[in-house]
Protein backbone atom coordinates (compact mmCIF):
# COMPACT_ATOMS: atom_id res chain seq x y z
CA MET A 1 -37.76 72.02 84.09
CA ALA A 2 -39.66 69.10 82.76
CA ARG A 3 -42.76 68.40 80.45
CA ARG A 4 -44.71 65.38 79.46
CA ARG A 5 -45.28 64.32 75.98
CA ALA A 6 -46.92 61.32 74.10
CA GLY A 7 -45.16 58.22 75.15
CA VAL A 8 -43.09 59.68 77.80
CA ASP A 9 -43.58 60.08 81.37
CA MET A 10 -41.26 62.80 81.82
CA GLU A 11 -38.85 64.73 79.27
CA PRO A 12 -36.26 66.92 80.96
CA VAL A 13 -36.23 70.18 79.21
CA LEU A 14 -33.67 72.49 81.43
CA SER A 15 -31.29 71.91 84.30
CA ARG A 16 -29.74 74.71 85.92
CA LYS A 17 -27.37 74.86 89.06
CA VAL A 18 -26.51 77.78 91.32
CA ARG A 19 -23.60 76.35 93.57
CA LEU A 20 -24.72 77.57 96.93
CA GLN A 21 -22.56 76.02 99.35
CA LEU A 22 -25.02 76.54 102.13
CA HIS A 23 -23.04 74.29 104.78
CA GLU A 24 -20.20 76.63 104.85
CA THR A 25 -22.88 79.10 105.83
CA LEU A 26 -23.61 77.33 109.31
CA ASP A 27 -22.88 78.36 112.58
CA ALA A 28 -21.64 75.79 115.23
CA THR A 29 -25.52 75.53 116.03
CA GLY A 30 -26.73 74.86 112.46
CA ARG A 31 -28.27 78.49 111.77
CA LEU A 32 -27.83 80.07 108.23
CA ASP A 33 -26.10 83.20 108.83
CA ARG A 34 -26.63 86.18 106.84
CA SER A 35 -24.61 85.45 104.03
CA GLY A 36 -26.43 81.83 103.73
CA VAL A 37 -29.88 83.52 103.45
CA ARG A 38 -28.92 86.13 101.36
CA SER A 39 -27.47 83.58 98.83
CA VAL A 40 -30.44 81.51 98.55
CA GLN A 41 -32.67 84.95 98.18
CA LEU A 42 -30.31 85.86 95.27
CA ALA A 43 -30.83 82.19 93.63
CA VAL A 44 -34.42 82.08 93.85
CA ALA A 45 -34.84 85.72 92.65
CA GLU A 46 -32.54 84.54 89.33
CA THR A 47 -33.85 81.59 88.72
CA LEU A 48 -37.75 83.03 88.92
CA ALA A 49 -36.90 85.89 86.76
CA GLU A 50 -35.98 83.77 84.07
CA ASP A 51 -38.32 81.37 83.89
CA ARG A 52 -41.54 81.73 85.81
CA GLU A 53 -43.74 83.14 83.03
CA SER A 54 -42.83 79.96 80.43
CA LEU A 55 -43.88 77.84 83.34
CA PRO A 56 -47.31 76.76 84.20
CA GLU A 57 -46.28 75.89 87.63
CA VAL A 58 -43.20 76.39 89.90
CA TYR A 59 -42.64 74.18 92.86
CA ALA A 60 -39.74 75.84 95.11
CA PHE A 61 -38.31 73.71 97.93
CA ALA A 62 -36.20 73.21 100.41
CA THR A 63 -34.07 70.42 101.96
CA SER A 64 -32.18 69.60 104.87
CA VAL A 65 -29.67 72.51 105.36
CA ILE A 66 -32.94 74.87 105.65
CA ARG A 67 -35.16 72.27 107.18
CA ASP A 68 -32.80 71.49 110.15
CA ALA A 69 -32.05 74.81 110.68
CA PRO A 70 -33.04 76.31 114.19
CA ASN A 71 -33.77 79.48 112.28
CA ARG A 72 -35.71 77.77 109.48
CA GLU A 73 -38.72 80.07 110.11
CA GLU A 74 -36.66 83.02 109.98
CA VAL A 75 -34.81 82.25 106.52
CA LEU A 76 -38.01 81.03 104.89
CA ALA A 77 -40.06 84.07 105.80
CA GLN A 78 -36.86 86.28 104.75
CA VAL A 79 -36.77 84.82 101.33
CA ALA A 80 -40.43 85.13 100.94
CA ARG A 81 -40.43 88.57 101.43
CA ALA A 82 -37.46 88.98 98.86
CA THR A 83 -38.59 87.18 96.17
CA GLY A 84 -42.53 86.70 96.44
CA THR A 85 -42.02 82.90 96.92
CA ARG A 86 -42.00 80.79 100.20
CA LEU A 87 -40.17 77.56 99.74
CA ARG A 88 -41.78 74.72 100.98
CA VAL A 89 -40.07 72.33 103.53
CA LEU A 90 -39.77 68.75 102.54
CA SER A 91 -39.59 66.33 105.28
CA GLY A 92 -36.91 63.40 105.19
CA GLU A 93 -39.52 61.00 104.61
CA GLU A 94 -41.35 62.67 101.79
CA GLU A 95 -37.76 63.07 100.36
CA ALA A 96 -37.41 59.12 100.49
CA ARG A 97 -40.82 58.75 99.23
CA LEU A 98 -40.08 60.58 96.16
CA ALA A 99 -36.85 59.11 95.61
CA TYR A 100 -38.35 55.70 95.41
CA VAL A 101 -41.23 56.98 93.05
CA ALA A 102 -38.29 58.24 90.77
CA ALA A 103 -36.11 55.20 91.13
CA ARG A 104 -39.21 53.12 90.32
CA GLN A 105 -40.06 55.12 87.39
CA TRP A 106 -36.33 54.64 86.03
CA ALA A 107 -36.14 50.94 86.70
CA GLY A 108 -38.95 50.12 84.58
CA ALA A 109 -42.54 48.63 84.77
CA ARG A 110 -41.30 45.07 85.43
CA ALA A 111 -39.01 46.06 88.57
CA GLY A 112 -40.47 44.06 91.53
CA SER A 113 -38.97 44.42 95.18
CA LEU A 114 -37.10 47.64 95.41
CA LEU A 115 -34.73 49.11 97.92
CA VAL A 116 -33.65 52.69 97.45
CA LEU A 117 -30.70 54.38 99.07
CA ASP A 118 -30.14 57.94 98.99
CA ILE A 119 -27.02 60.03 101.20
CA GLY A 120 -27.80 63.21 101.52
CA GLY A 121 -26.01 66.09 103.14
CA GLY A 122 -27.82 66.04 106.28
CA THR A 123 -29.59 62.86 105.98
CA VAL A 124 -29.80 59.54 104.76
CA GLU A 125 -33.17 58.39 103.05
CA ILE A 126 -34.09 55.15 102.82
CA ALA A 127 -37.29 53.44 100.87
CA SER A 128 -38.63 50.18 100.06
CA GLY A 129 -41.54 48.67 98.36
CA THR A 130 -43.16 46.26 95.31
CA SER A 131 -45.81 49.02 94.05
CA LYS A 132 -45.60 52.54 92.75
CA GLN A 133 -45.48 53.82 96.39
CA PRO A 134 -42.96 52.74 99.08
CA ARG A 135 -44.04 50.49 101.97
CA THR A 136 -41.34 51.82 104.15
CA THR A 137 -39.69 54.92 104.13
CA LEU A 138 -37.06 56.22 106.78
CA SER A 139 -34.81 59.38 107.09
CA LEU A 140 -31.76 59.52 109.64
CA PRO A 141 -29.86 62.16 110.39
CA LEU A 142 -26.27 60.49 108.88
CA GLY A 143 -25.81 62.46 106.10
CA ALA A 144 -22.16 63.13 104.60
CA ARG A 145 -22.01 66.54 105.79
CA THR A 146 -23.75 65.61 109.38
CA VAL A 147 -20.94 62.67 109.72
CA THR A 148 -18.28 64.94 108.64
CA ARG A 149 -19.01 67.84 110.58
CA ASP A 150 -19.41 65.20 113.88
CA TRP A 151 -16.32 63.26 113.37
CA LYS A 152 -14.17 65.92 111.88
CA LEU A 153 -13.49 63.89 108.49
CA ASP A 154 -12.90 66.70 105.99
CA GLU A 155 -8.98 66.07 106.48
CA ALA A 156 -6.79 62.85 106.37
CA VAL A 157 -7.48 60.08 108.93
CA SER A 158 -4.16 58.20 109.77
CA SER A 159 -5.81 56.58 112.84
CA LYS A 160 -7.06 52.96 111.83
CA ARG A 161 -8.91 52.89 115.64
CA ARG A 162 -10.63 56.58 114.63
CA LEU A 163 -12.18 55.03 111.51
CA ALA A 164 -13.07 51.97 113.29
CA GLU A 165 -14.74 54.24 116.08
CA VAL A 166 -16.75 55.79 113.46
CA ARG A 167 -17.84 52.88 111.68
CA ASP A 168 -18.79 51.42 114.93
CA HIS A 169 -21.00 54.60 115.45
CA LEU A 170 -22.69 54.23 112.31
CA SER A 171 -23.34 50.57 112.63
CA ASP A 172 -24.87 50.89 115.80
CA ARG A 173 -27.11 53.98 114.90
CA LEU A 174 -28.45 51.57 111.89
CA ALA A 175 -28.68 48.50 113.91
CA GLU A 176 -31.16 50.79 116.13
CA VAL A 177 -33.50 51.11 113.25
CA ALA A 178 -36.16 48.33 114.05
CA ASP A 179 -37.85 48.49 110.64
CA LEU A 180 -34.87 48.98 108.33
CA PRO A 181 -35.50 47.46 104.97
CA ARG A 182 -33.06 44.69 103.70
CA ALA A 183 -32.28 43.79 100.22
CA GLU A 184 -34.65 40.94 98.89
CA PRO A 185 -32.86 38.04 97.27
CA ASP A 186 -34.73 38.69 93.70
CA GLY A 187 -35.19 42.31 94.71
CA ARG A 188 -33.09 45.18 93.44
CA VAL A 189 -31.17 47.56 95.23
CA LEU A 190 -30.85 51.13 93.66
CA ALA A 191 -28.87 54.32 94.97
CA CYS A 192 -29.60 57.72 93.91
CA SER A 193 -27.48 60.36 95.24
CA LYS A 194 -24.52 62.02 94.36
CA THR A 195 -22.76 60.24 96.93
CA PHE A 196 -22.99 56.94 95.47
CA THR A 197 -22.59 57.98 92.08
CA GLN A 198 -19.03 60.12 92.94
CA LEU A 199 -18.00 56.67 94.67
CA ALA A 200 -19.15 54.74 91.40
CA ARG A 201 -17.27 57.30 89.38
CA TYR A 202 -13.94 57.12 91.35
CA THR A 203 -14.26 52.99 91.83
CA THR A 204 -14.68 52.63 87.64
CA ALA A 205 -12.17 55.20 86.74
CA GLY A 206 -10.27 54.33 83.67
CA ARG A 207 -12.54 50.91 83.12
CA GLU A 208 -15.93 52.80 82.06
CA ARG A 209 -14.74 55.96 80.46
CA SER A 210 -17.32 56.13 77.50
CA ARG A 211 -20.63 55.97 79.71
CA ALA A 212 -22.07 56.66 83.30
CA PRO A 213 -21.28 54.23 85.73
CA GLN A 214 -23.93 51.50 86.40
CA ARG A 215 -22.96 49.75 89.56
CA LEU A 216 -21.04 49.97 92.76
CA THR A 217 -20.18 47.14 94.90
CA LEU A 218 -19.39 47.15 98.53
CA ASP A 219 -16.19 45.86 97.99
CA ASP A 220 -15.34 48.96 96.18
CA VAL A 221 -16.75 51.13 98.84
CA ARG A 222 -14.60 49.54 101.39
CA ALA A 223 -11.28 50.05 99.12
CA ALA A 224 -12.44 53.78 98.31
CA VAL A 225 -12.56 54.46 102.29
CA GLY A 226 -9.13 53.35 102.66
CA VAL A 227 -7.84 55.69 99.75
CA LEU A 228 -10.08 58.60 100.68
CA ALA A 229 -8.80 58.46 104.62
CA LYS A 230 -5.24 58.40 103.73
CA ASN A 231 -6.18 61.94 101.68
CA GLY A 232 -7.17 65.34 103.03
CA SER A 233 -9.77 67.35 100.77
CA VAL A 234 -7.13 68.83 98.66
CA GLY A 235 -5.89 65.34 97.98
CA ARG A 236 -9.37 63.87 97.53
CA GLY A 237 -10.33 66.39 95.22
CA ARG A 238 -7.70 65.09 92.59
CA LEU A 239 -8.83 61.93 92.82
CA PRO A 240 -10.55 60.48 89.46
CA GLY A 241 -14.34 61.16 89.97
CA ILE A 242 -14.22 63.01 93.16
CA SER A 243 -15.54 66.62 92.64
CA ARG A 244 -13.34 69.17 94.30
CA HIS A 245 -16.44 70.95 95.96
CA ARG A 246 -17.39 67.44 97.59
CA ALA A 247 -14.27 65.87 98.57
CA GLY A 248 -14.32 67.40 102.04
CA GLN A 249 -17.33 65.18 102.62
CA SER A 250 -16.21 62.23 100.23
CA LEU A 251 -14.75 60.07 102.99
CA ALA A 252 -17.59 60.53 105.52
CA GLY A 253 -20.27 59.59 102.59
CA ALA A 254 -18.32 56.63 101.83
CA LEU A 255 -18.10 55.45 105.35
CA VAL A 256 -22.02 56.17 105.24
CA ALA A 257 -22.48 54.15 101.95
CA GLU A 258 -20.29 51.30 103.73
CA ALA A 259 -22.60 51.24 106.80
CA LEU A 260 -25.88 51.34 105.09
CA MET A 261 -24.72 48.66 102.48
CA GLU A 262 -24.14 46.41 105.23
CA ALA A 263 -26.83 46.91 107.34
CA CYS A 264 -29.05 46.82 104.34
CA ARG A 265 -27.16 43.54 103.38
CA ALA A 266 -26.53 44.58 99.70
CA THR A 267 -23.37 43.44 98.30
CA SER A 268 -23.80 45.80 95.25
CA VAL A 269 -26.14 48.76 94.00
CA GLU A 270 -27.46 50.17 90.46
CA ILE A 271 -26.97 53.77 90.43
CA SER A 272 -30.08 55.54 89.54
CA PRO A 273 -29.91 58.95 87.98
CA TRP A 274 -33.22 59.98 89.39
CA SER A 275 -34.00 60.87 92.59
CA THR A 276 -35.97 63.43 94.94
CA ARG A 277 -36.12 66.20 92.40
CA GLU A 278 -37.13 63.89 89.62
CA GLY A 279 -39.73 62.22 91.55
CA LEU A 280 -41.23 65.50 92.41
CA LEU A 281 -41.39 66.38 88.75
CA LEU A 282 -42.99 63.18 87.75
CA GLU A 283 -45.93 63.60 90.30
CA ARG A 284 -46.48 67.31 89.33
CA LEU A 285 -46.79 66.55 85.88
CA GLY A 286 -49.35 63.73 86.75
CA ALA A 287 -51.06 66.08 88.79
CA LEU A 288 -51.21 68.57 86.00
CA ARG A 289 -52.59 65.98 83.21
CA THR A 290 -55.39 65.19 85.87
CA LYS A 291 -56.26 68.62 86.09
CA LYS A 292 -56.50 69.59 82.20
CA SER A 293 -58.53 66.07 81.74
CA ALA A 294 -60.86 67.13 84.19
CA HIS A 295 -61.43 70.66 82.71
CA ARG A 296 -61.99 69.04 78.97
């Protein structure tokens, strides 16, 4: 929940999370099972019951787990029947665009060329440009959850050959993208996902305890891959900065981050706390202001 007030484009008012772990309810084909659909229904109903009356607008949307599920329409219909709210489905490219909008606003008016990287569970979003809206938006099926499932990386990987195979696969997939944007010499590279934030927390543990990590280097990511590979999910969850519920996907996330930074020629990234959600809030607040102005 956010509002606009004088001199501030977006002021957060409330943030609440219900952890669904939907990836654990997917079958071998990627379909959400009955328990997954039920958990979405309950989360939507609970949230709307508490907040709908106090809000001028509610925007309910779903991302990759539901978007890519073969039974997506069935899931959306069941949630709509149970809650009275039909979830909108954002495309990967729209997620990339909104992440860019948020990152540019966060970076400030003087930010020039901007490259925005976002590693989600199912997909990776990339956007670049020099103005308020991106010039390039991409969505690739290389998310941390996807790579973990495809290569069975939730447990320790002792084989250097196995790691090399994953790295080669990711590198090859990114090399196939003809219009993949690169970091500009005088530009900024912003990373705005939990995967990057978690890696930054791990690599700066003990060095930046008093504040959130600001930057992540490619060398630090490479070093993190080596440590994460030696540990299974439980061991990774004990590492500083690695959250227990994301531990299983943390190795894949680090490998994707490494491949992405290499392919985009970024030796380091700035950690942005704003991403798709904030981009959506900024645009909806802007639309509400325009609507109010039109009625005056």
